[in-house]
Amino acid sequence: MKAIILVGGEGTRLRPLTYSTVKAMVPVLNKPFIEYVIRHLVNHNVKEVILALGYKPDAITNHFADVHQLDARLVYNVEARPLGTAGAVKNAERYIDETFFVLNGDVFTDINLGDMLQFHKNKGAKVTIALTPVEDPSRFGVVETDSRKRVIRFIEKPKPGQSTSNMINAGIYIIESDILRRIPAGRYIMFEHDIFPALLAEGEPVFGYETNAYWIDMGTPEQYLQLNRDLMFGKSTQVQFREQDICIDEQSSVHPEAKLTAPILVGRDCIISHGVWLKGPVVIGAGCRIHDGAIISNSILWQDVTIGAQASLEDCIVASNNHIEDKAHIAGAAINKARATKQS
């Protein structure tokens, strides 16, 4: 089985964090996000993963040149300009000769891909779209299905009362390879707005696979923070972390007068100084320095961040190589050098 992961975008919704790090490489519990996606595929017997690259492809290819334990063959396919979700898959057509998965590169999920594949086969589908429920579907594209779970309508950002469904497109598809012939080459074209509605209009069998498995689109700083929080509280089966856990790398130093409130994850070569209070959930990347009396609550520090004495951070994300001044008090911010934005 093969899969294509769409990781060619600039990650504009995740700025300012993605000014210095491509979205696929953003750290989640101190590991690149894309590694979780690939390992989930491998755990469901996907043997070849095609990474549809575009923006700063070297950041991804260089990382995986040093990673040898993914148990999957990685193929890199770079688009010279943005082609959209369907266009990016069409651009990788030469690698596809069978039924295949497509995954958006900003979705973290526990979906049972093997069960989804069996559903696809049983229905005789040309396309199967994973569907997940949300409380407020007005921010998403809603997918309506009939009693057999055949897709009958797509509604983009429905107004209240416009749809009886709260099931949205989860950004995970199973597609038969002959569908690629329907996609024009070299054009910007989207599955969601172009290809799938056209298939419905032509009467092709498009089905919706409903799942209640953990799912999140980590495309914004707020959602990225939520993903890390969820994983630390054990909401995903992919990460063996519990809310009472305090995990400190053995190469890091924690002052005996520092206070740690779980859950906490601290990477290697960190120094946590006298009087520091880490109020979990807190994730601290490698090489960080937390000076005397600093308080960090519900926040994420990437690698090589320095927090000044008596500073406080709450609900913050600090990108790599940033310095927070002594006695600074910051809440609800995503910080990347001179660029900072308040979370909505």
C-alpha atoms as a PDB file:
ATOM      1  CA  MET A   1       0.000   0.000   0.000  1.00  0.00           C
ATOM      2  CA  LYS A   2       1.192   3.520  -0.830  1.00  0.00           C
ATOM      3  CA  ALA A   3       0.340   6.918   0.592  1.00  0.00           C
ATOM      4  CA  ILE A   4       0.904  10.515  -0.442  1.00  0.00           C
ATOM      5  CA  ILE A   5       1.323  13.154   2.261  1.00  0.00           C
ATOM      6  CA  LEU A   6       0.701  16.726   1.133  1.00  0.00           C
ATOM      7  CA  VAL A   7       3.441  18.804   2.751  1.00  0.00           C
ATOM      8  CA  GLY A   8       4.160  21.437   0.109  1.00  0.00           C
ATOM      9  CA  GLY A   9       2.449  24.450   1.675  1.00  0.00           C
ATOM     10  CA  GLU A  10       4.044  27.412   3.412  1.00  0.00           C
ATOM     11  CA  GLY A  11       2.042  26.965   6.612  1.00  0.00           C
ATOM     12  CA  THR A  12       0.799  30.551   6.582  1.00  0.00           C
ATOM     13  CA  ARG A  13      -1.871  29.874   9.218  1.00  0.00           C
ATOM     14  CA  LEU A  14       0.843  28.702  11.600  1.00  0.00           C
ATOM     15  CA  ARG A  15       2.917  31.861  11.340  1.00  0.00           C
ATOM     16  CA  PRO A  16       5.016  33.251  12.932  1.00  0.00           C
ATOM     17  CA  LEU A  17       6.238  29.763  13.885  1.00  0.00           C
ATOM     18  CA  THR A  18       6.681  28.718  10.250  1.00  0.00           C
ATOM     19  CA  TYR A  19       8.831  31.705   9.338  1.00  0.00           C
ATOM     20  CA  SER A  20      11.805  29.620  10.460  1.00  0.00           C
ATOM     21  CA  THR A  21      10.504  26.019  10.402  1.00  0.00           C
ATOM     22  CA  VAL A  22       8.398  24.345   7.719  1.00  0.00           C
ATOM     23  CA  LYS A  23       5.057  23.133   9.019  1.00  0.00           C
ATOM     24  CA  ALA A  24       5.831  19.438   8.626  1.00  0.00           C
ATOM     25  CA  MET A  25       8.910  19.820  10.828  1.00  0.00           C
ATOM     26  CA  VAL A  26       7.250  21.721  13.664  1.00  0.00           C
ATOM     27  CA  PRO A  27       8.073  19.826  16.890  1.00  0.00           C
ATOM     28  CA  VAL A  28       5.292  17.956  18.665  1.00  0.00           C
ATOM     29  CA  LEU A  29       6.454  16.656  22.044  1.00  0.00           C
ATOM     30  CA  ASN A  30       9.969  17.391  20.750  1.00  0.00           C
ATOM     31  CA  LYS A  31       9.638  15.280  17.579  1.00  0.00           C
ATOM     32  CA  PRO A  32       8.909  16.571  14.051  1.00  0.00           C
ATOM     33  CA  PHE A  33       5.185  16.440  13.326  1.00  0.00           C
ATOM     34  CA  ILE A  34       5.668  14.578  10.032  1.00  0.00           C
ATOM     35  CA  GLU A  35       7.237  11.617  11.854  1.00  0.00           C
ATOM     36  CA  TYR A  36       3.961  10.918  13.648  1.00  0.00           C
ATOM     37  CA  VAL A  37       2.069  10.920  10.353  1.00  0.00           C
ATOM     38  CA  ILE A  38       4.522   8.532   8.702  1.00  0.00           C
ATOM     39  CA  ARG A  39       4.662   6.159  11.672  1.00  0.00           C
ATOM     40  CA  HIS A  40       0.869   5.998  11.768  1.00  0.00           C
ATOM     41  CA  LEU A  41       0.878   4.981   8.107  1.00  0.00           C
ATOM     42  CA  VAL A  42       3.579   2.374   8.699  1.00  0.00           C
ATOM     43  CA  ASN A  43       1.556   0.926  11.587  1.00  0.00           C
ATOM     44  CA  HIS A  44      -1.237   0.324   9.064  1.00  0.00           C
ATOM     45  CA  ASN A  45       0.957  -1.558   6.585  1.00  0.00           C
ATOM     46  CA  VAL A  46       1.797   1.329   4.270  1.00  0.00           C
ATOM     47  CA  LYS A  47       5.167   0.416   2.761  1.00  0.00           C
ATOM     48  CA  GLU A  48       5.841   3.443   0.554  1.00  0.00           C
ATOM     49  CA  VAL A  49       5.238   7.072   1.489  1.00  0.00           C
ATOM     50  CA  ILE A  50       5.415   9.782  -1.152  1.00  0.00           C
ATOM     51  CA  LEU A  51       6.040  13.235   0.274  1.00  0.00           C
ATOM     52  CA  ALA A  52       4.560  15.888  -2.027  1.00  0.00           C
ATOM     53  CA  LEU A  53       6.963  18.741  -1.346  1.00  0.00           C
ATOM     54  CA  GLY A  54       7.026  22.361  -2.416  1.00  0.00           C
ATOM     55  CA  TYR A  55       8.091  25.029   0.054  1.00  0.00           C
ATOM     56  CA  LYS A  56      11.645  24.530   1.421  1.00  0.00           C
ATOM     57  CA  PRO A  57      11.836  20.815   0.551  1.00  0.00           C
ATOM     58  CA  ASP A  58      15.416  20.462   1.820  1.00  0.00           C
ATOM     59  CA  ALA A  59      14.254  20.970   5.396  1.00  0.00           C
ATOM     60  CA  ILE A  60      12.384  17.674   5.142  1.00  0.00           C
ATOM     61  CA  THR A  61      14.700  15.648   2.915  1.00  0.00           C
ATOM     62  CA  ASN A  62      17.764  16.540   4.999  1.00  0.00           C
ATOM     63  CA  HIS A  63      16.027  15.423   8.181  1.00  0.00           C
ATOM     64  CA  PHE A  64      15.065  12.028   6.836  1.00  0.00           C
ATOM     65  CA  ALA A  65      18.556  11.459   5.457  1.00  0.00           C
ATOM     66  CA  ASP A  66      19.491  10.886   9.112  1.00  0.00           C
ATOM     67  CA  VAL A  67      16.402   8.888  10.151  1.00  0.00           C
ATOM     68  CA  HIS A  68      16.602   5.169   9.421  1.00  0.00           C
ATOM     69  CA  GLN A  69      13.902   3.552  11.561  1.00  0.00           C
ATOM     70  CA  LEU A  70      10.653   4.414   9.830  1.00  0.00           C
ATOM     71  CA  ASP A  71      10.239   1.008   8.122  1.00  0.00           C
ATOM     72  CA  ALA A  72       8.919   2.629   4.970  1.00  0.00           C
ATOM     73  CA  ARG A  73      10.380   3.702   1.656  1.00  0.00           C
ATOM     74  CA  LEU A  74      10.249   7.480   1.323  1.00  0.00           C
ATOM     75  CA  VAL A  75       9.850   9.092  -2.087  1.00  0.00           C
ATOM     76  CA  TYR A  76      10.275  12.846  -2.559  1.00  0.00           C
ATOM     77  CA  ASN A  77       8.282  14.601  -5.249  1.00  0.00           C
ATOM     78  CA  VAL A  78       8.806  18.357  -5.494  1.00  0.00           C
ATOM     79  CA  GLU A  79       6.421  20.715  -7.261  1.00  0.00           C
ATOM     80  CA  ALA A  80       7.955  23.817  -8.822  1.00  0.00           C
ATOM     81  CA  ARG A  81       4.909  25.929  -7.955  1.00  0.00           C
ATOM     82  CA  PRO A  82       1.785  25.372  -5.831  1.00  0.00           C
ATOM     83  CA  LEU A  83      -0.604  22.951  -7.536  1.00  0.00           C
ATOM     84  CA  GLY A  84      -3.314  22.440  -4.908  1.00  0.00           C
ATOM     85  CA  THR A  85      -4.216  19.154  -3.255  1.00  0.00           C
ATOM     86  CA  ALA A  86      -5.248  17.321  -6.433  1.00  0.00           C
ATOM     87  CA  GLY A  87      -2.554  18.952  -8.543  1.00  0.00           C
ATOM     88  CA  ALA A  88       0.146  17.811  -6.131  1.00  0.00           C
ATOM     89  CA  VAL A  89      -1.118  14.227  -6.317  1.00  0.00           C
ATOM     90  CA  LYS A  90      -1.298  14.398 -10.121  1.00  0.00           C
ATOM     91  CA  ASN A  91       2.301  15.612 -10.087  1.00  0.00           C
ATOM     92  CA  ALA A  92       3.266  12.341  -8.341  1.00  0.00           C
ATOM     93  CA  GLU A  93       1.233  10.145 -10.707  1.00  0.00           C
ATOM     94  CA  ARG A  94       4.287   8.263 -11.976  1.00  0.00           C
ATOM     95  CA  TYR A  95       4.664   6.657  -8.537  1.00  0.00           C
ATOM     96  CA  ILE A  96       1.042   5.463  -8.297  1.00  0.00           C
ATOM     97  CA  ASP A  97      -0.238   2.235  -9.847  1.00  0.00           C
ATOM     98  CA  GLU A  98      -2.710   1.023  -7.223  1.00  0.00           C
ATOM     99  CA  THR A  99      -5.259   2.142  -4.643  1.00  0.00           C
ATOM    100  CA  PHE A 100      -3.579   4.736  -2.418  1.00  0.00           C
ATOM    101  CA  PHE A 101      -4.044   6.992   0.604  1.00  0.00           C
ATOM    102  CA  VAL A 102      -3.811  10.776   0.519  1.00  0.00           C
ATOM    103  CA  LEU A 103      -3.283  12.717   3.747  1.00  0.00           C
ATOM    104  CA  ASN A 104      -3.190  16.438   4.376  1.00  0.00           C
ATOM    105  CA  GLY A 105       0.111  17.232   6.042  1.00  0.00           C
ATOM    106  CA  ASP A 106      -1.346  19.148   8.979  1.00  0.00           C
ATOM    107  CA  VAL A 107      -3.720  16.496  10.337  1.00  0.00           C
ATOM    108  CA  PHE A 108      -2.957  14.347  13.380  1.00  0.00           C
ATOM    109  CA  THR A 109      -5.329  11.431  13.831  1.00  0.00           C
ATOM    110  CA  ASP A 110      -5.726   7.973  15.333  1.00  0.00           C
ATOM    111  CA  ILE A 111      -8.038   6.861  12.526  1.00  0.00           C
ATOM    112  CA  ASN A 112      -7.943   3.117  11.811  1.00  0.00           C
ATOM    113  CA  LEU A 113      -6.656   3.198   8.240  1.00  0.00           C
ATOM    114  CA  GLY A 114      -6.986  -0.562   7.829  1.00  0.00           C
ATOM    115  CA  ASP A 115     -10.666  -0.406   8.721  1.00  0.00           C
ATOM    116  CA  MET A 116     -11.124   2.547   6.365  1.00  0.00           C
ATOM    117  CA  LEU A 117      -9.495   0.579   3.544  1.00  0.00           C
ATOM    118  CA  GLN A 118     -11.789  -2.403   4.139  1.00  0.00           C
ATOM    119  CA  PHE A 119     -14.796  -0.059   4.078  1.00  0.00           C
ATOM    120  CA  HIS A 120     -13.553   1.373   0.765  1.00  0.00           C
ATOM    121  CA  LYS A 121     -13.263  -2.091  -0.766  1.00  0.00           C
ATOM    122  CA  ASN A 122     -16.610  -3.306   0.562  1.00  0.00           C
ATOM    123  CA  LYS A 123     -18.392  -0.294  -0.910  1.00  0.00           C
ATOM    124  CA  GLY A 124     -16.683  -0.562  -4.286  1.00  0.00           C
ATOM    125  CA  ALA A 125     -15.752   3.096  -3.935  1.00  0.00           C
ATOM    126  CA  LYS A 126     -13.664   5.130  -6.320  1.00  0.00           C
ATOM    127  CA  VAL A 127     -12.973   7.601  -3.514  1.00  0.00           C
ATOM    128  CA  THR A 128     -13.476   7.312   0.228  1.00  0.00           C
ATOM    129  CA  ILE A 129     -13.287  10.451   2.355  1.00  0.00           C
ATOM    130  CA  ALA A 130     -12.638  10.182   6.089  1.00  0.00           C
ATOM    131  CA  LEU A 131     -15.264  12.145   8.015  1.00  0.00           C
ATOM    132  CA  THR A 132     -15.003  13.394  11.576  1.00  0.00           C
ATOM    133  CA  PRO A 133     -17.649  15.114  13.727  1.00  0.00           C
ATOM    134  CA  VAL A 134     -17.216  18.670  15.018  1.00  0.00           C
ATOM    135  CA  GLU A 135     -19.367  20.782  17.314  1.00  0.00           C
ATOM    136  CA  ASP A 136     -19.411  23.788  14.986  1.00  0.00           C
ATOM    137  CA  PRO A 137     -19.284  22.761  11.314  1.00  0.00           C
ATOM    138  CA  SER A 138     -19.704  26.350  10.075  1.00  0.00           C
ATOM    139  CA  ARG A 139     -15.914  26.780   9.886  1.00  0.00           C
ATOM    140  CA  PHE A 140     -15.435  23.687   7.737  1.00  0.00           C
ATOM    141  CA  GLY A 141     -16.643  21.897   4.654  1.00  0.00           C
ATOM    142  CA  VAL A 142     -19.527  19.605   5.611  1.00  0.00           C
ATOM    143  CA  VAL A 143     -20.036  16.276   3.835  1.00  0.00           C
ATOM    144  CA  GLU A 144     -23.547  14.816   3.664  1.00  0.00           C
ATOM    145  CA  THR A 145     -24.091  11.093   3.057  1.00  0.00           C
ATOM    146  CA  ASP A 146     -27.068   8.794   2.549  1.00  0.00           C
ATOM    147  CA  SER A 147     -27.970   5.716   4.615  1.00  0.00           C
ATOM    148  CA  ARG A 148     -25.252   3.683   2.850  1.00  0.00           C
ATOM    149  CA  LYS A 149     -22.664   6.406   3.577  1.00  0.00           C
ATOM    150  CA  ARG A 150     -22.478   7.380  -0.072  1.00  0.00           C
ATOM    151  CA  VAL A 151     -21.644  11.073  -0.392  1.00  0.00           C
ATOM    152  CA  ILE A 152     -24.543  13.103  -1.753  1.00  0.00           C
ATOM    153  CA  ARG A 153     -23.482  16.698  -1.137  1.00  0.00           C
ATOM    154  CA  PHE A 154     -20.632  18.989  -0.114  1.00  0.00           C
ATOM    155  CA  ILE A 155     -21.458  22.231   1.700  1.00  0.00           C
ATOM    156  CA  GLU A 156     -18.658  24.735   2.275  1.00  0.00           C
ATOM    157  CA  LYS A 157     -18.925  26.479   5.662  1.00  0.00           C
ATOM    158  CA  PRO A 158     -22.683  25.991   6.083  1.00  0.00           C
ATOM    159  CA  LYS A 159     -24.827  28.562   7.829  1.00  0.00           C
ATOM    160  CA  PRO A 160     -26.863  27.404  10.847  1.00  0.00           C
ATOM    161  CA  GLY A 161     -29.686  25.161   9.681  1.00  0.00           C
ATOM    162  CA  GLN A 162     -28.261  24.745   6.174  1.00  0.00           C
ATOM    163  CA  SER A 163     -27.103  21.175   6.851  1.00  0.00           C
ATOM    164  CA  THR A 164     -28.265  18.362   9.107  1.00  0.00           C
ATOM    165  CA  SER A 165     -24.730  16.943   9.268  1.00  0.00           C
ATOM    166  CA  ASN A 166     -21.811  17.840  11.514  1.00  0.00           C
ATOM    167  CA  MET A 167     -19.419  15.509   9.682  1.00  0.00           C
ATOM    168  CA  ILE A 168     -16.535  17.304   8.018  1.00  0.00           C
ATOM    169  CA  ASN A 169     -13.823  16.300   5.582  1.00  0.00           C
ATOM    170  CA  ALA A 170     -10.957  15.032   7.767  1.00  0.00           C
ATOM    171  CA  GLY A 171      -8.309  15.484   5.073  1.00  0.00           C
ATOM    172  CA  ILE A 172      -7.696  11.748   4.579  1.00  0.00           C
ATOM    173  CA  TYR A 173      -8.704   9.955   1.387  1.00  0.00           C
ATOM    174  CA  ILE A 174      -8.484   6.568  -0.291  1.00  0.00           C
ATOM    175  CA  ILE A 175      -8.434   6.929  -4.071  1.00  0.00           C
ATOM    176  CA  GLU A 176      -8.396   4.468  -6.940  1.00  0.00           C
ATOM    177  CA  SER A 177      -5.478   5.148  -9.274  1.00  0.00           C
ATOM    178  CA  ASP A 178      -7.667   5.527 -12.369  1.00  0.00           C
ATOM    179  CA  ILE A 179      -9.105   8.717 -10.864  1.00  0.00           C
ATOM    180  CA  LEU A 180      -5.756  10.361 -11.601  1.00  0.00           C
ATOM    181  CA  ARG A 181      -6.721  10.424 -15.267  1.00  0.00           C
ATOM    182  CA  ARG A 182      -9.490  12.879 -14.350  1.00  0.00           C
ATOM    183  CA  ILE A 183      -7.019  15.430 -12.965  1.00  0.00           C
ATOM    184  CA  PRO A 184      -5.502  17.906 -15.453  1.00  0.00           C
ATOM    185  CA  ALA A 185      -1.701  18.023 -15.335  1.00  0.00           C
ATOM    186  CA  GLY A 186       0.223  21.163 -14.443  1.00  0.00           C
ATOM    187  CA  ARG A 187      -2.760  23.094 -13.080  1.00  0.00           C
ATOM    188  CA  TYR A 188      -3.712  24.314  -9.643  1.00  0.00           C
ATOM    189  CA  ILE A 189      -6.654  22.109  -8.729  1.00  0.00           C
ATOM    190  CA  MET A 190      -8.245  20.956  -5.481  1.00  0.00           C
ATOM    191  CA  PHE A 191      -9.840  17.662  -4.535  1.00  0.00           C
ATOM    192  CA  GLU A 192     -12.266  19.412  -2.222  1.00  0.00           C
ATOM    193  CA  HIS A 193     -13.595  22.081  -4.591  1.00  0.00           C
ATOM    194  CA  ASP A 194     -12.952  20.612  -8.037  1.00  0.00           C
ATOM    195  CA  ILE A 195     -12.424  16.851  -8.312  1.00  0.00           C
ATOM    196  CA  PHE A 196     -14.771  15.440  -5.678  1.00  0.00           C
ATOM    197  CA  PRO A 197     -17.805  17.553  -6.698  1.00  0.00           C
ATOM    198  CA  ALA A 198     -17.159  16.625 -10.344  1.00  0.00           C
ATOM    199  CA  LEU A 199     -17.101  12.928  -9.459  1.00  0.00           C
ATOM    200  CA  LEU A 200     -20.416  13.301  -7.643  1.00  0.00           C
ATOM    201  CA  ALA A 201     -21.939  15.052 -10.637  1.00  0.00           C
ATOM    202  CA  GLU A 202     -20.811  12.170 -12.859  1.00  0.00           C
ATOM    203  CA  GLY A 203     -22.348   9.564 -10.549  1.00  0.00           C
ATOM    204  CA  GLU A 204     -19.058   8.015  -9.454  1.00  0.00           C
ATOM    205  CA  PRO A 205     -19.165   6.107  -6.136  1.00  0.00           C
ATOM    206  CA  VAL A 206     -17.744   8.462  -3.510  1.00  0.00           C
ATOM    207  CA  PHE A 207     -18.226   7.330   0.084  1.00  0.00           C
ATOM    208  CA  GLY A 208     -17.724   8.841   3.519  1.00  0.00           C
ATOM    209  CA  TYR A 209     -16.007   6.823   6.243  1.00  0.00           C
ATOM    210  CA  GLU A 210     -17.143   8.172   9.607  1.00  0.00           C
ATOM    211  CA  THR A 211     -14.755   7.980  12.538  1.00  0.00           C
ATOM    212  CA  ASN A 212     -14.760   9.160  16.138  1.00  0.00           C
ATOM    213  CA  ALA A 213     -11.017   8.573  16.491  1.00  0.00           C
ATOM    214  CA  TYR A 214      -8.883  11.417  17.783  1.00  0.00           C
ATOM    215  CA  TRP A 215      -8.421  14.066  15.085  1.00  0.00           C
ATOM    216  CA  ILE A 216      -7.048  17.583  14.983  1.00  0.00           C
ATOM    217  CA  ASP A 217      -5.946  20.025  12.305  1.00  0.00           C
ATOM    218  CA  MET A 218      -2.883  21.662  13.844  1.00  0.00           C
ATOM    219  CA  GLY A 219      -2.754  24.449  11.258  1.00  0.00           C
ATOM    220  CA  THR A 220      -2.880  27.378  13.704  1.00  0.00           C
ATOM    221  CA  PRO A 221      -0.789  28.208  16.796  1.00  0.00           C
ATOM    222  CA  GLU A 222      -3.857  27.683  18.978  1.00  0.00           C
ATOM    223  CA  GLN A 223      -4.527  24.228  17.513  1.00  0.00           C
ATOM    224  CA  TYR A 224      -0.832  23.348  17.645  1.00  0.00           C
ATOM    225  CA  LEU A 225      -0.792  24.126  21.352  1.00  0.00           C
ATOM    226  CA  GLN A 226      -3.970  22.078  21.772  1.00  0.00           C
ATOM    227  CA  LEU A 227      -2.406  19.079  20.015  1.00  0.00           C
ATOM    228  CA  ASN A 228       0.565  19.008  22.377  1.00  0.00           C
ATOM    229  CA  ARG A 229      -1.767  19.420  25.344  1.00  0.00           C
ATOM    230  CA  ASP A 230      -4.005  16.584  24.142  1.00  0.00           C
ATOM    231  CA  LEU A 231      -1.063  14.229  23.693  1.00  0.00           C
ATOM    232  CA  MET A 232       0.224  14.980  27.178  1.00  0.00           C
ATOM    233  CA  PHE A 233      -3.205  14.192  28.616  1.00  0.00           C
ATOM    234  CA  GLY A 234      -3.333  10.829  26.846  1.00  0.00           C
ATOM    235  CA  LYS A 235      -6.026  11.596  24.286  1.00  0.00           C
ATOM    236  CA  SER A 236      -4.182   9.810  21.459  1.00  0.00           C
ATOM    237  CA  THR A 237      -3.264   6.148  21.274  1.00  0.00           C
ATOM    238  CA  GLN A 238      -0.057   7.021  19.408  1.00  0.00           C
ATOM    239  CA  VAL A 239       1.729   8.571  22.372  1.00  0.00           C
ATOM    240  CA  GLN A 240       2.245   6.828  25.694  1.00  0.00           C
ATOM    241  CA  PHE A 241       2.096   9.942  27.845  1.00  0.00           C
ATOM    242  CA  ARG A 242      -0.076  10.430  30.927  1.00  0.00           C
ATOM    243  CA  GLU A 243      -1.143  13.612  32.651  1.00  0.00           C
ATOM    244  CA  GLN A 244       0.804  12.684  35.796  1.00  0.00           C
ATOM    245  CA  ASP A 245       4.074  12.180  33.895  1.00  0.00           C
ATOM    246  CA  ILE A 246       7.157  14.325  34.404  1.00  0.00           C
ATOM    247  CA  CYS A 247       9.767  13.266  31.844  1.00  0.00           C
ATOM    248  CA  ILE A 248      13.194  14.889  32.141  1.00  0.00           C
ATOM    249  CA  ASP A 249      16.015  13.905  29.812  1.00  0.00           C
ATOM    250  CA  GLU A 250      18.919  12.472  31.808  1.00  0.00           C
ATOM    251  CA  GLN A 251      21.290  14.988  30.201  1.00  0.00           C
ATOM    252  CA  SER A 252      19.314  17.917  31.599  1.00  0.00           C
ATOM    253  CA  SER A 253      19.695  19.599  34.977  1.00  0.00           C
ATOM    254  CA  VAL A 254      16.838  20.614  37.280  1.00  0.00           C
ATOM    255  CA  HIS A 255      17.616  22.637  40.424  1.00  0.00           C
ATOM    256  CA  PRO A 256      16.279  20.974  43.598  1.00  0.00           C
ATOM    257  CA  GLU A 257      14.399  24.177  44.449  1.00  0.00           C
ATOM    258  CA  ALA A 258      12.539  24.204  41.122  1.00  0.00           C
ATOM    259  CA  LYS A 259       8.853  23.252  41.218  1.00  0.00           C
ATOM    260  CA  LEU A 260       7.408  20.941  38.573  1.00  0.00           C
ATOM    261  CA  THR A 261       3.680  20.325  38.139  1.00  0.00           C
ATOM    262  CA  ALA A 262       2.779  17.517  35.699  1.00  0.00           C
ATOM    263  CA  PRO A 263       2.552  16.897  32.841  1.00  0.00           C
ATOM    264  CA  ILE A 264       6.017  18.023  31.784  1.00  0.00           C
ATOM    265  CA  LEU A 265       8.464  16.985  29.063  1.00  0.00           C
ATOM    266  CA  VAL A 266      12.017  18.351  29.062  1.00  0.00           C
ATOM    267  CA  GLY A 267      14.496  17.557  26.284  1.00  0.00           C
ATOM    268  CA  ARG A 268      18.249  17.064  26.493  1.00  0.00           C
ATOM    269  CA  ASP A 269      20.869  19.588  27.662  1.00  0.00           C
ATOM    270  CA  CYS A 270      18.412  21.889  29.425  1.00  0.00           C
ATOM    271  CA  ILE A 271      19.055  23.839  32.629  1.00  0.00           C
ATOM    272  CA  ILE A 272      16.105  24.545  34.923  1.00  0.00           C
ATOM    273  CA  SER A 273      17.311  26.978  37.596  1.00  0.00           C
ATOM    274  CA  HIS A 274      16.490  27.869  41.212  1.00  0.00           C
ATOM    275  CA  GLY A 275      12.902  28.861  41.928  1.00  0.00           C
ATOM    276  CA  VAL A 276      11.571  28.018  38.470  1.00  0.00           C
ATOM    277  CA  TRP A 277       7.974  26.795  38.347  1.00  0.00           C
ATOM    278  CA  LEU A 278       6.906  24.660  35.404  1.00  0.00           C
ATOM    279  CA  LYS A 279       3.103  24.396  35.499  1.00  0.00           C
ATOM    280  CA  GLY A 280       2.128  21.659  33.077  1.00  0.00           C
ATOM    281  CA  PRO A 281       1.327  20.954  30.439  1.00  0.00           C
ATOM    282  CA  VAL A 282       4.776  22.223  29.461  1.00  0.00           C
ATOM    283  CA  VAL A 283       7.094  21.011  26.694  1.00  0.00           C
ATOM    284  CA  ILE A 284      10.707  22.200  26.651  1.00  0.00           C
ATOM    285  CA  GLY A 285      12.990  21.456  23.728  1.00  0.00           C
ATOM    286  CA  ALA A 286      16.694  20.627  23.788  1.00  0.00           C
ATOM    287  CA  GLY A 287      19.225  23.190  24.950  1.00  0.00           C
ATOM    288  CA  CYS A 288      16.839  25.535  26.764  1.00  0.00           C
ATOM    289  CA  ARG A 289      17.870  27.716  29.703  1.00  0.00           C
ATOM    290  CA  ILE A 290      15.234  28.698  32.259  1.00  0.00           C
ATOM    291  CA  HIS A 291      16.659  31.253  34.698  1.00  0.00           C
ATOM    292  CA  ASP A 292      15.889  31.860  38.364  1.00  0.00           C
ATOM    293  CA  GLY A 293      12.283  32.373  39.345  1.00  0.00           C
ATOM    294  CA  ALA A 294      10.758  32.064  35.887  1.00  0.00           C
ATOM    295  CA  ILE A 295       7.227  30.655  35.658  1.00  0.00           C
ATOM    296  CA  ILE A 296       6.102  28.734  32.576  1.00  0.00           C
ATOM    297  CA  SER A 297       2.506  27.543  32.306  1.00  0.00           C
ATOM    298  CA  ASN A 298       0.748  25.630  29.517  1.00  0.00           C
ATOM    299  CA  SER A 299       3.468  26.532  27.039  1.00  0.00           C
ATOM    300  CA  ILE A 300       5.878  25.057  24.522  1.00  0.00           C
ATOM    301  CA  LEU A 301       9.522  26.036  24.098  1.00  0.00           C
ATOM    302  CA  TRP A 302      11.375  24.835  21.033  1.00  0.00           C
ATOM    303  CA  GLN A 303      15.142  24.221  20.993  1.00  0.00           C
ATOM    304  CA  ASP A 304      17.690  26.640  22.433  1.00  0.00           C
ATOM    305  CA  VAL A 305      15.251  29.062  24.031  1.00  0.00           C
ATOM    306  CA  THR A 306      16.336  31.224  26.957  1.00  0.00           C
ATOM    307  CA  ILE A 307      13.836  32.454  29.528  1.00  0.00           C
ATOM    308  CA  GLY A 308      15.075  35.327  31.684  1.00  0.00           C
ATOM    309  CA  ALA A 309      14.920  35.493  35.457  1.00  0.00           C
ATOM    310  CA  GLN A 310      11.493  36.232  36.958  1.00  0.00           C
ATOM    311  CA  ALA A 311       9.851  36.068  33.527  1.00  0.00           C
ATOM    312  CA  SER A 312       6.464  34.411  33.126  1.00  0.00           C
ATOM    313  CA  LEU A 313       4.865  32.707  30.139  1.00  0.00           C
ATOM    314  CA  GLU A 314       1.298  31.433  29.950  1.00  0.00           C
ATOM    315  CA  ASP A 315      -0.341  29.766  26.929  1.00  0.00           C
ATOM    316  CA  CYS A 316       2.691  30.580  24.783  1.00  0.00           C
ATOM    317  CA  ILE A 317       4.760  28.989  22.042  1.00  0.00           C
ATOM    318  CA  VAL A 318       8.359  30.143  21.677  1.00  0.00           C
ATOM    319  CA  ALA A 319      10.219  29.128  18.512  1.00  0.00           C
ATOM    320  CA  SER A 320      13.878  28.060  18.494  1.00  0.00           C
ATOM    321  CA  ASN A 321      16.722  30.432  19.365  1.00  0.00           C
ATOM    322  CA  ASN A 322      14.547  33.048  21.025  1.00  0.00           C
ATOM    323  CA  HIS A 323      15.326  34.952  24.219  1.00  0.00           C
ATOM    324  CA  ILE A 324      12.688  36.192  26.649  1.00  0.00           C
ATOM    325  CA  GLU A 325      13.919  39.110  28.759  1.00  0.00           C
ATOM    326  CA  ASP A 326      14.108  39.137  32.547  1.00  0.00           C
ATOM    327  CA  LYS A 327      10.766  39.933  34.224  1.00  0.00           C
ATOM    328  CA  ALA A 328       8.840  39.801  30.947  1.00  0.00           C
ATOM    329  CA  HIS A 329       5.210  38.719  31.353  1.00  0.00           C
ATOM    330  CA  ILE A 330       3.660  37.225  28.217  1.00  0.00           C
ATOM    331  CA  ALA A 331       0.358  35.416  27.718  1.00  0.00           C
ATOM    332  CA  GLY A 332      -1.295  33.862  24.681  1.00  0.00           C
ATOM    333  CA  ALA A 333       1.493  34.555  22.199  1.00  0.00           C
ATOM    334  CA  ALA A 334       3.370  32.700  19.478  1.00  0.00           C
ATOM    335  CA  ILE A 335       6.893  34.123  19.483  1.00  0.00           C
ATOM    336  CA  ASN A 336       9.510  33.866  16.756  1.00  0.00           C
ATOM    337  CA  LYS A 337      12.338  36.391  17.083  1.00  0.00           C
ATOM    338  CA  ALA A 338      10.947  39.819  16.163  1.00  0.00           C
ATOM    339  CA  ARG A 339       7.646  38.376  14.972  1.00  0.00           C
ATOM    340  CA  ALA A 340       4.913  37.700  17.498  1.00  0.00           C
ATOM    341  CA  THR A 341       1.178  37.265  17.159  1.00  0.00           C
ATOM    342  CA  LYS A 342      -1.582  36.991  19.693  1.00  0.00           C
ATOM    343  CA  GLN A 343      -3.521  33.755  19.451  1.00  0.00           C
ATOM    344  CA  SER A 344      -7.172  34.148  18.525  1.00  0.00           C
END
